[in-house]
Amino acid sequence: MTKIDFKKTLKDLYSPSAKAVVEVVVPAMNYIMVDGTGDPNDQTMFQPRVEALYSLSYNLKFAGKGQLGQDYTVMPVEGLWWVEGNLPVDPTTSDRNTWKWTLMVMQPDFITQAMFDAAVEAVRAKKNPTLLDDCRFERYDEGRSAQTLHIGPYSAEKPTIDCVHAYIQKQGGKPTLKHHEIYLSDARKAAPEKMRTVIRQPFG
């Protein structure tokens, strides 16, 4: 049985260089999503959502292997970030109570809504993590986007974000959808200065 690593098959989307901002076209993809508000450093808000996302994602991985004969690597957590009025967040601010965010994990196209619904019931019977019922299965289409890789702590992202927006402006474009981050490193284990985060901004 071949095991798919979508970080490799979708390398242009999940493994950008840190040396330059590049333009990509992100196709519509399926995600498990869960919403949140406030400071992401508040683990009582953040961690239960990550736990629910991964519980469902691993259940679906094993369902795909058992039911479809298709194995794959579970993808990293991603985040959409904004404040009221769909404005981008400022990672340098100390006031994060107004932040709104959606955490999500990409799912292969062969994972269906019916499989997700079954996974919810299976996870409920085994673990029943907090916020399980807040999770949803949704298709998200970003299309034309600019992105780059940020290396370092989340609090130091602003210059990288500014570079992405400067690229968009240079192309004569304007940001459209929400600020998007993909967390390639485990913040619980990686040294802050070595953390790798994809910074993406859809534009038109």
Foldseek 3Di string as FASTA:
>chain_A
DDEAEVCVVVVVVNPFAQPAKDKDFFFKFKKKKFKFAFDCVPCVTPVLRVVLRVLLQVLLQVCCCVVVVYHYDWFFKKKFKAFPPLHADQLQDPGRRRMIMMIITTDDPVCDQVNSVVSLVVCCVPPNGPCNVRIHMDIDGQTIKMKHKDAFASSPCVVVLVNRVVVQVVVVKDFDHTWMKTWPDDPVPDDRRGTIIMTMTRID
